[in-house]
Protein backbone atom coordinates (compact mmCIF):
# COMPACT_ATOMS: atom_id res chain seq x y z
CA UNK A 1 -0.59 6.73 14.27
CA UNK A 2 0.94 10.33 14.03
CA UNK A 3 2.31 12.14 10.83
CA UNK A 4 5.34 14.65 10.23
CA UNK A 5 5.11 16.76 7.17
CA UNK A 6 7.60 18.74 5.82
CA UNK A 7 5.56 22.35 4.02
CA UNK A 8 7.54 25.18 2.23
CA UNK A 9 5.27 27.85 1.30
CA UNK A 10 5.48 30.61 -1.13
CA UNK A 11 4.04 34.22 -1.70
CA UNK A 12 4.04 37.04 0.63
CA UNK A 13 4.64 34.85 3.77
CA UNK A 14 7.64 37.24 5.20
CA UNK A 15 6.94 40.55 7.48
CA UNK A 16 3.59 39.52 8.12
CA UNK A 17 3.76 37.71 10.94
CA UNK A 18 2.99 34.39 9.25
CA UNK A 19 5.57 32.11 11.87
CA UNK A 20 4.32 33.63 14.71
CA UNK A 21 1.19 33.42 13.58
CA UNK A 22 1.65 29.30 12.49
CA UNK A 23 3.37 28.38 16.19
CA UNK A 24 0.23 29.81 17.54
CA UNK A 25 -1.86 27.65 15.44
CA UNK A 26 0.30 24.50 16.01
CA UNK A 27 -0.17 24.80 19.19
CA UNK A 28 -3.79 25.87 19.87
CA UNK A 29 -3.43 22.04 17.46
CA UNK A 30 -1.50 20.78 20.02
CA UNK A 31 1.04 20.21 16.30
CA UNK A 32 4.88 20.19 17.25
CA UNK A 33 7.44 20.49 14.73
CA UNK A 34 9.26 24.12 13.78
CA UNK A 35 8.98 26.84 11.35
CA UNK A 36 11.46 29.23 9.63
CA UNK A 37 11.73 32.18 7.22
CA UNK A 38 14.18 30.94 4.63
CA UNK A 39 16.27 33.00 2.68
CA UNK A 40 14.97 32.67 -0.90
CA UNK A 41 11.42 34.68 0.28
CA UNK A 42 9.86 31.11 1.36
CA UNK A 43 8.58 29.65 4.77
CA UNK A 44 9.31 26.79 5.78
CA UNK A 45 7.64 24.16 8.20
CA UNK A 46 7.68 20.27 9.77
CA UNK A 47 4.71 19.55 11.26
CA UNK A 48 4.13 16.31 13.43
CA UNK A 49 1.44 15.06 15.58
CA UNK A 50 -1.90 12.93 14.83
CA UNK A 51 -3.31 13.89 11.15
CA UNK A 52 -6.85 15.42 11.97
CA UNK A 53 -4.70 18.36 13.79
CA UNK A 54 -1.78 18.46 11.80
CA UNK A 55 -4.45 18.69 8.95
CA UNK A 56 -6.29 21.79 10.54
CA UNK A 57 -2.55 23.75 10.82
CA UNK A 58 -1.82 22.63 7.06
CA UNK A 59 -5.38 23.99 5.97
CA UNK A 60 -4.68 26.96 8.22
CA UNK A 61 -1.20 27.17 5.94
CA UNK A 62 -2.61 27.38 2.71
CA UNK A 63 -4.30 30.76 4.35
CA UNK A 64 -2.34 32.52 6.27
CA UNK A 65 -2.60 35.94 8.60
CA UNK A 66 -4.81 38.34 7.12
CA UNK A 67 -1.20 40.71 5.42
CA UNK A 68 0.21 37.04 4.13
CA UNK A 69 -0.39 36.65 0.13
CA UNK A 70 0.19 32.38 0.22
CA UNK A 71 0.85 31.71 -3.49
CA UNK A 72 0.88 27.99 -3.19
CA UNK A 73 1.93 25.08 -0.67
CA UNK A 74 4.42 21.78 -1.09
CA UNK A 75 3.93 18.74 0.88
CA UNK A 76 6.34 16.65 1.66
CA UNK A 77 5.73 12.98 4.43
CA UNK A 78 8.68 13.18 6.41
CA UNK A 79 10.18 11.17 9.30
CA UNK A 80 11.05 13.39 12.34
CA UNK A 81 9.50 13.52 15.35
CA UNK A 82 9.49 16.70 17.83
CA UNK A 83 8.60 17.53 21.19
CA UNK A 84 7.58 20.50 21.16
CA UNK A 85 7.09 23.27 18.25
CA UNK A 86 9.85 26.28 17.85
CA UNK A 87 10.62 29.15 15.39
CA UNK A 88 13.83 28.25 14.28
CA UNK A 89 16.55 30.82 12.32
CA UNK A 90 16.54 32.39 9.22
CA UNK A 91 18.33 29.53 7.22
């Protein structure tokens, strides 16, 4: 059964290519959903897919790209489903 996870990522995650690389990681693992910067300096994402690929993307998000400094990540279950992965505008 597919799962959906809602993530809030805190740390130095803006302006370091986080969203672009997050989308690449999701695409590479066949995970759908979205990612966006938030005005409070966090990155928010929704991931939908099979448990193992979603876990791989979450694992990547705990580190981020080389220029990032992830301090914490909040993960909650969600019920949404997505057909593709996209970057959304800052909210």
